[in-house]
Amino acid sequence: MTMTKTQAHWRRVALSGWLGLALCGGVVVARAVTSEVRAPSRRLSPEERELLGRMAAEAEPHWRRRSMHSFPGDHWSQDDDFGASERGWVMNEARRRDVPVTDVFDAIDTELRASSPVTAPRKATASPCKPRPFYD
């Protein structure tokens, strides 16, 4: 049984696609193996943890108000937007102080749990992931 010109053409196309995929995969693996992960040079001191916790607590009402203004009546989106604001602040502080991001999140968590009981609008829990039933 011989192949037609069309079958031979598509076989070459498929083979070149697989070779391209293998080449890209090889580049990705090579980059991952040779990349350097720079560890933060230090950790937060207890005083810095307390300071960052207070700073985040002071900024939280602003983040919540902005989220409520951006997403009136949509509590899930408000929580999501608040989380994005908090994450951005944490990333900037960690980068600025050259400390792990987890140290900054831990400072916020410690301050939040130390100010017991946690009253609204503050929350000590994460919102569940609930995708919207429809999208406009």
N, C-alpha and C. Protein backbone atom coordinates (compact mmCIF):
# COMPACT_ATOMS: atom_id res chain seq x y z
N MET A 1 0.84 -1.16 0.00
CA MET A 1 0.00 0.00 0.00
C MET A 1 0.90 1.24 0.00
N THR A 2 0.69 2.12 -0.88
CA THR A 2 1.51 3.33 -1.01
C THR A 2 0.72 4.54 -0.50
N MET A 3 1.49 5.50 -0.03
CA MET A 3 0.86 6.73 0.47
C MET A 3 0.64 7.69 -0.68
N THR A 4 -0.44 8.44 -0.56
CA THR A 4 -0.69 9.49 -1.53
C THR A 4 0.15 10.70 -1.15
N LYS A 5 0.21 11.66 -2.06
CA LYS A 5 0.98 12.88 -1.78
C LYS A 5 0.40 13.63 -0.58
N THR A 6 -0.91 13.64 -0.45
CA THR A 6 -1.56 14.34 0.66
C THR A 6 -1.23 13.68 1.98
N GLN A 7 -1.28 12.37 2.03
CA GLN A 7 -0.95 11.65 3.26
C GLN A 7 0.51 11.88 3.65
N ALA A 8 1.39 11.86 2.69
CA ALA A 8 2.82 12.08 2.94
C ALA A 8 3.04 13.50 3.47
N HIS A 9 2.32 14.45 2.89
CA HIS A 9 2.45 15.86 3.32
C HIS A 9 2.03 15.99 4.78
N TRP A 10 0.87 15.45 5.15
CA TRP A 10 0.38 15.57 6.51
C TRP A 10 1.24 14.79 7.51
N ARG A 11 1.83 13.73 7.05
CA ARG A 11 2.74 12.97 7.92
C ARG A 11 3.97 13.82 8.24
N ARG A 12 4.50 14.54 7.23
CA ARG A 12 5.65 15.42 7.46
C ARG A 12 5.26 16.58 8.39
N VAL A 13 4.06 17.11 8.20
CA VAL A 13 3.59 18.20 9.06
C VAL A 13 3.50 17.72 10.51
N ALA A 14 2.92 16.54 10.72
CA ALA A 14 2.80 15.99 12.07
C ALA A 14 4.17 15.74 12.68
N LEU A 15 5.08 15.18 11.91
CA LEU A 15 6.42 14.91 12.40
C LEU A 15 7.14 16.20 12.77
N SER A 16 7.01 17.23 11.93
CA SER A 16 7.67 18.50 12.24
C SER A 16 7.04 19.14 13.48
N GLY A 17 5.74 18.96 13.69
CA GLY A 17 5.09 19.47 14.89
C GLY A 17 5.63 18.80 16.14
N TRP A 18 5.76 17.47 16.10
CA TRP A 18 6.31 16.74 17.24
C TRP A 18 7.76 17.12 17.50
N LEU A 19 8.53 17.33 16.44
CA LEU A 19 9.92 17.74 16.63
C LEU A 19 10.00 19.14 17.24
N GLY A 20 9.12 20.04 16.79
CA GLY A 20 9.07 21.38 17.36
C GLY A 20 8.70 21.35 18.84
N LEU A 21 7.73 20.52 19.19
CA LEU A 21 7.34 20.37 20.58
C LEU A 21 8.50 19.81 21.42
N ALA A 22 9.18 18.81 20.90
CA ALA A 22 10.32 18.23 21.62
C ALA A 22 11.43 19.27 21.80
N LEU A 23 11.67 20.09 20.79
CA LEU A 23 12.69 21.12 20.88
C LEU A 23 12.32 22.15 21.95
N CYS A 24 11.08 22.59 21.94
CA CYS A 24 10.63 23.55 22.97
C CYS A 24 10.72 22.94 24.36
N GLY A 25 10.33 21.69 24.50
CA GLY A 25 10.43 21.02 25.78
C GLY A 25 11.87 20.93 26.26
N GLY A 26 12.78 20.64 25.34
CA GLY A 26 14.20 20.57 25.68
C GLY A 26 14.72 21.92 26.15
N VAL A 27 14.30 22.99 25.48
CA VAL A 27 14.73 24.34 25.89
C VAL A 27 14.20 24.66 27.29
N VAL A 28 12.95 24.32 27.54
CA VAL A 28 12.36 24.58 28.85
C VAL A 28 13.10 23.82 29.95
N VAL A 29 13.38 22.57 29.72
CA VAL A 29 14.10 21.76 30.71
C VAL A 29 15.50 22.33 30.93
N ALA A 30 16.19 22.70 29.86
CA ALA A 30 17.54 23.25 29.99
C ALA A 30 17.52 24.55 30.78
N ARG A 31 16.52 25.42 30.52
CA ARG A 31 16.43 26.68 31.26
C ARG A 31 16.12 26.43 32.73
N ALA A 32 15.26 25.47 33.02
CA ALA A 32 14.91 25.18 34.40
C ALA A 32 16.10 24.62 35.17
N VAL A 33 16.87 23.78 34.53
CA VAL A 33 18.01 23.15 35.20
C VAL A 33 19.12 24.16 35.45
N THR A 34 19.31 25.10 34.55
CA THR A 34 20.43 26.03 34.67
C THR A 34 20.07 27.34 35.36
N SER A 35 18.79 27.54 35.73
CA SER A 35 18.41 28.80 36.35
C SER A 35 18.83 28.83 37.82
N GLU A 36 19.05 30.03 38.31
CA GLU A 36 19.43 30.20 39.70
C GLU A 36 18.26 30.79 40.46
N VAL A 37 17.98 30.25 41.62
CA VAL A 37 16.96 30.80 42.49
C VAL A 37 17.68 31.54 43.60
N ARG A 38 17.53 32.85 43.60
CA ARG A 38 18.21 33.65 44.60
C ARG A 38 17.41 33.64 45.89
N ALA A 39 18.01 33.14 46.92
CA ALA A 39 17.34 33.11 48.22
C ALA A 39 17.40 34.50 48.85
N PRO A 40 16.33 34.90 49.54
CA PRO A 40 16.39 36.19 50.23
C PRO A 40 17.56 36.20 51.19
N SER A 41 18.14 37.36 51.35
CA SER A 41 19.38 37.44 52.13
C SER A 41 19.14 37.39 53.63
N ARG A 42 17.90 37.63 54.07
CA ARG A 42 17.67 37.62 55.51
C ARG A 42 16.22 37.27 55.83
N ARG A 43 15.90 37.18 57.11
CA ARG A 43 14.54 36.92 57.59
C ARG A 43 14.09 38.14 58.39
N LEU A 44 12.80 38.27 58.58
CA LEU A 44 12.27 39.38 59.37
C LEU A 44 12.58 39.17 60.85
N SER A 45 12.94 40.24 61.51
CA SER A 45 13.14 40.19 62.95
C SER A 45 11.75 40.24 63.61
N PRO A 46 11.66 39.86 64.88
CA PRO A 46 10.35 39.95 65.57
C PRO A 46 9.77 41.37 65.57
N GLU A 47 10.64 42.37 65.70
CA GLU A 47 10.17 43.76 65.68
C GLU A 47 9.61 44.12 64.30
N GLU A 48 10.30 43.68 63.25
CA GLU A 48 9.82 43.96 61.89
C GLU A 48 8.50 43.22 61.61
N ARG A 49 8.39 42.01 62.12
CA ARG A 49 7.13 41.26 61.95
C ARG A 49 5.97 42.03 62.58
N GLU A 50 6.19 42.52 63.78
CA GLU A 50 5.13 43.26 64.46
C GLU A 50 4.79 44.54 63.71
N LEU A 51 5.81 45.24 63.24
CA LEU A 51 5.60 46.48 62.48
C LEU A 51 4.82 46.20 61.20
N LEU A 52 5.23 45.19 60.44
CA LEU A 52 4.54 44.88 59.19
C LEU A 52 3.10 44.44 59.44
N GLY A 53 2.87 43.69 60.52
CA GLY A 53 1.52 43.29 60.87
C GLY A 53 0.63 44.49 61.13
N ARG A 54 1.16 45.46 61.88
CA ARG A 54 0.39 46.68 62.16
C ARG A 54 0.18 47.50 60.90
N MET A 55 1.20 47.58 60.05
CA MET A 55 1.06 48.35 58.80
C MET A 55 -0.04 47.74 57.92
N ALA A 56 -0.07 46.44 57.82
CA ALA A 56 -1.09 45.78 57.01
C ALA A 56 -2.47 45.99 57.62
N ALA A 57 -2.57 45.92 58.95
CA ALA A 57 -3.85 46.13 59.62
C ALA A 57 -4.36 47.56 59.38
N GLU A 58 -3.44 48.52 59.35
CA GLU A 58 -3.83 49.91 59.08
C GLU A 58 -4.26 50.11 57.64
N ALA A 59 -3.65 49.38 56.71
CA ALA A 59 -3.99 49.52 55.29
C ALA A 59 -5.23 48.73 54.90
N GLU A 60 -5.58 47.73 55.69
CA GLU A 60 -6.69 46.85 55.32
C GLU A 60 -8.02 47.57 55.12
N PRO A 61 -8.43 48.52 56.00
CA PRO A 61 -9.71 49.20 55.74
C PRO A 61 -9.75 49.91 54.39
N HIS A 62 -8.63 50.51 54.00
CA HIS A 62 -8.58 51.17 52.68
C HIS A 62 -8.76 50.15 51.55
N TRP A 63 -8.07 49.01 51.66
CA TRP A 63 -8.21 47.97 50.63
C TRP A 63 -9.65 47.47 50.57
N ARG A 64 -10.29 47.28 51.73
CA ARG A 64 -11.68 46.79 51.77
C ARG A 64 -12.63 47.83 51.17
N ARG A 65 -12.46 49.11 51.54
CA ARG A 65 -13.34 50.16 50.98
C ARG A 65 -13.20 50.23 49.47
N ARG A 66 -11.97 50.17 48.99
CA ARG A 66 -11.75 50.23 47.54
C ARG A 66 -12.39 49.03 46.84
N SER A 67 -12.30 47.86 47.46
CA SER A 67 -12.91 46.66 46.89
C SER A 67 -14.43 46.77 46.87
N MET A 68 -15.02 47.29 47.97
CA MET A 68 -16.48 47.45 48.02
C MET A 68 -16.95 48.47 46.99
N HIS A 69 -16.15 49.50 46.76
CA HIS A 69 -16.49 50.51 45.76
C HIS A 69 -16.38 49.93 44.34
N SER A 70 -15.37 49.11 44.11
CA SER A 70 -15.15 48.53 42.78
C SER A 70 -16.17 47.45 42.45
N PHE A 71 -16.64 46.71 43.46
CA PHE A 71 -17.56 45.58 43.24
C PHE A 71 -18.74 45.65 44.20
N PRO A 72 -19.61 46.67 44.05
CA PRO A 72 -20.73 46.79 44.99
C PRO A 72 -21.67 45.58 44.89
N GLY A 73 -21.98 45.02 46.04
CA GLY A 73 -22.92 43.91 46.09
C GLY A 73 -22.35 42.55 45.70
N ASP A 74 -21.12 42.49 45.28
CA ASP A 74 -20.52 41.22 44.87
C ASP A 74 -19.43 40.86 45.88
N HIS A 75 -19.82 40.15 46.94
CA HIS A 75 -18.90 39.88 48.05
C HIS A 75 -17.72 39.00 47.63
N TRP A 76 -17.96 38.04 46.74
CA TRP A 76 -16.87 37.19 46.30
C TRP A 76 -15.81 38.02 45.58
N SER A 77 -16.24 38.89 44.68
CA SER A 77 -15.28 39.73 43.94
C SER A 77 -14.60 40.73 44.87
N GLN A 78 -15.32 41.21 45.88
CA GLN A 78 -14.70 42.11 46.85
C GLN A 78 -13.56 41.41 47.58
N ASP A 79 -13.81 40.17 48.03
CA ASP A 79 -12.76 39.41 48.70
C ASP A 79 -11.59 39.13 47.77
N ASP A 80 -11.90 38.81 46.52
CA ASP A 80 -10.86 38.53 45.54
C ASP A 80 -10.01 39.78 45.29
N ASP A 81 -10.66 40.92 45.13
CA ASP A 81 -9.94 42.17 44.89
C ASP A 81 -9.12 42.55 46.13
N PHE A 82 -9.69 42.35 47.31
CA PHE A 82 -8.94 42.63 48.53
C PHE A 82 -7.68 41.76 48.59
N GLY A 83 -7.84 40.47 48.26
CA GLY A 83 -6.70 39.56 48.26
C GLY A 83 -5.61 40.01 47.30
N ALA A 84 -6.02 40.54 46.15
CA ALA A 84 -5.04 41.02 45.17
C ALA A 84 -4.31 42.25 45.70
N SER A 85 -5.04 43.13 46.39
CA SER A 85 -4.40 44.32 46.98
C SER A 85 -3.40 43.92 48.06
N GLU A 86 -3.82 42.99 48.91
CA GLU A 86 -2.95 42.52 49.98
C GLU A 86 -1.71 41.84 49.41
N ARG A 87 -1.92 41.00 48.41
CA ARG A 87 -0.80 40.28 47.81
C ARG A 87 0.20 41.26 47.18
N GLY A 88 -0.30 42.28 46.49
CA GLY A 88 0.59 43.27 45.89
C GLY A 88 1.42 43.99 46.94
N TRP A 89 0.77 44.35 48.05
CA TRP A 89 1.48 45.03 49.14
C TRP A 89 2.54 44.11 49.73
N VAL A 90 2.17 42.85 49.95
CA VAL A 90 3.11 41.88 50.53
C VAL A 90 4.32 41.67 49.60
N MET A 91 4.06 41.53 48.32
CA MET A 91 5.16 41.32 47.37
C MET A 91 6.11 42.53 47.37
N ASN A 92 5.55 43.74 47.39
CA ASN A 92 6.39 44.94 47.41
C ASN A 92 7.22 45.03 48.69
N GLU A 93 6.58 44.75 49.83
CA GLU A 93 7.32 44.80 51.10
C GLU A 93 8.42 43.75 51.15
N ALA A 94 8.12 42.54 50.69
CA ALA A 94 9.13 41.47 50.70
C ALA A 94 10.31 41.83 49.80
N ARG A 95 10.01 42.38 48.64
CA ARG A 95 11.06 42.76 47.70
C ARG A 95 11.89 43.92 48.28
N ARG A 96 11.20 44.90 48.84
CA ARG A 96 11.88 46.08 49.39
C ARG A 96 12.78 45.71 50.56
N ARG A 97 12.34 44.79 51.38
CA ARG A 97 13.12 44.39 52.56
C ARG A 97 14.02 43.19 52.31
N ASP A 98 13.92 42.60 51.12
CA ASP A 98 14.71 41.43 50.73
C ASP A 98 14.52 40.28 51.72
N VAL A 99 13.24 39.95 51.95
CA VAL A 99 12.87 38.85 52.84
C VAL A 99 11.91 37.93 52.10
N PRO A 100 11.71 36.71 52.58
CA PRO A 100 10.75 35.83 51.93
C PRO A 100 9.32 36.36 52.05
N VAL A 101 8.53 36.14 51.03
CA VAL A 101 7.13 36.56 51.02
C VAL A 101 6.38 35.90 52.18
N THR A 102 6.75 34.66 52.47
CA THR A 102 6.07 33.95 53.55
C THR A 102 6.27 34.64 54.90
N ASP A 103 7.40 35.30 55.10
CA ASP A 103 7.61 36.04 56.36
C ASP A 103 6.61 37.17 56.50
N VAL A 104 6.35 37.87 55.41
CA VAL A 104 5.42 39.00 55.45
C VAL A 104 3.99 38.49 55.67
N PHE A 105 3.59 37.43 54.96
CA PHE A 105 2.26 36.86 55.18
C PHE A 105 2.12 36.35 56.62
N ASP A 106 3.18 35.76 57.15
CA ASP A 106 3.14 35.27 58.52
C ASP A 106 2.99 36.42 59.51
N ALA A 107 3.62 37.55 59.23
CA ALA A 107 3.48 38.72 60.10
C ALA A 107 2.04 39.21 60.11
N ILE A 108 1.41 39.22 58.95
CA ILE A 108 0.00 39.63 58.86
C ILE A 108 -0.88 38.65 59.62
N ASP A 109 -0.64 37.38 59.41
CA ASP A 109 -1.45 36.34 60.07
C ASP A 109 -1.29 36.41 61.59
N THR A 110 -0.08 36.60 62.05
CA THR A 110 0.17 36.68 63.50
C THR A 110 -0.56 37.87 64.10
N GLU A 111 -0.49 39.02 63.43
CA GLU A 111 -1.18 40.22 63.93
C GLU A 111 -2.69 40.02 63.92
N LEU A 112 -3.20 39.41 62.86
CA LEU A 112 -4.64 39.19 62.74
C LEU A 112 -5.15 38.28 63.85
N ARG A 113 -4.45 37.21 64.12
CA ARG A 113 -4.88 36.26 65.15
C ARG A 113 -4.63 36.79 66.56
N ALA A 114 -3.68 37.72 66.71
CA ALA A 114 -3.40 38.30 68.03
C ALA A 114 -4.49 39.30 68.42
N SER A 115 -5.16 39.88 67.43
CA SER A 115 -6.21 40.86 67.72
C SER A 115 -7.55 40.16 67.81
N SER A 116 -7.63 39.18 68.68
CA SER A 116 -8.82 38.35 68.83
C SER A 116 -9.86 39.08 69.66
N PRO A 117 -11.12 38.99 69.43
CA PRO A 117 -11.73 38.30 68.30
C PRO A 117 -11.67 39.16 67.04
N VAL A 118 -11.62 38.50 65.92
CA VAL A 118 -11.57 39.20 64.64
C VAL A 118 -12.99 39.64 64.30
N THR A 119 -13.16 40.94 64.12
CA THR A 119 -14.49 41.48 63.82
C THR A 119 -14.54 42.00 62.40
N ALA A 120 -15.75 42.01 61.85
CA ALA A 120 -15.95 42.47 60.48
C ALA A 120 -15.49 43.91 60.35
N PRO A 121 -14.94 44.32 59.25
CA PRO A 121 -14.84 43.60 57.98
C PRO A 121 -13.61 42.72 57.87
N ARG A 122 -12.80 42.65 58.93
CA ARG A 122 -11.61 41.78 58.88
C ARG A 122 -12.05 40.32 58.93
N LYS A 123 -11.26 39.47 58.30
CA LYS A 123 -11.55 38.05 58.28
C LYS A 123 -10.26 37.28 58.51
N ALA A 124 -10.36 36.18 59.26
CA ALA A 124 -9.20 35.33 59.50
C ALA A 124 -9.31 34.04 58.71
N THR A 125 -10.17 34.05 57.72
CA THR A 125 -10.37 32.86 56.88
C THR A 125 -10.23 33.25 55.42
N ALA A 126 -10.06 32.26 54.60
CA ALA A 126 -9.99 32.49 53.17
C ALA A 126 -11.37 32.25 52.57
N SER A 127 -11.68 32.99 51.54
CA SER A 127 -12.96 32.79 50.86
C SER A 127 -12.87 31.54 50.00
N PRO A 128 -13.93 30.77 49.96
CA PRO A 128 -13.90 29.58 49.11
C PRO A 128 -13.89 29.97 47.64
N CYS A 129 -13.33 29.13 46.85
CA CYS A 129 -13.29 29.37 45.41
C CYS A 129 -14.66 29.03 44.84
N LYS A 130 -15.39 30.04 44.42
CA LYS A 130 -16.70 29.79 43.84
C LYS A 130 -16.80 30.57 42.55
N PRO A 131 -16.60 29.92 41.44
CA PRO A 131 -16.72 30.63 40.18
C PRO A 131 -18.14 31.14 39.98
N ARG A 132 -18.26 32.19 39.26
CA ARG A 132 -19.57 32.79 39.00
C ARG A 132 -20.42 31.86 38.15
N PRO A 133 -21.72 31.86 38.38
CA PRO A 133 -22.60 31.02 37.56
C PRO A 133 -22.75 31.55 36.14
N PHE A 134 -22.42 32.83 35.94
CA PHE A 134 -22.51 33.43 34.61
C PHE A 134 -21.49 34.54 34.52
N TYR A 135 -21.15 34.91 33.34
CA TYR A 135 -20.20 36.00 33.12
C TYR A 135 -20.82 36.98 32.14
N ASP A 136 -20.75 38.25 32.47
CA ASP A 136 -21.32 39.27 31.58
C ASP A 136 -20.44 39.53 30.40
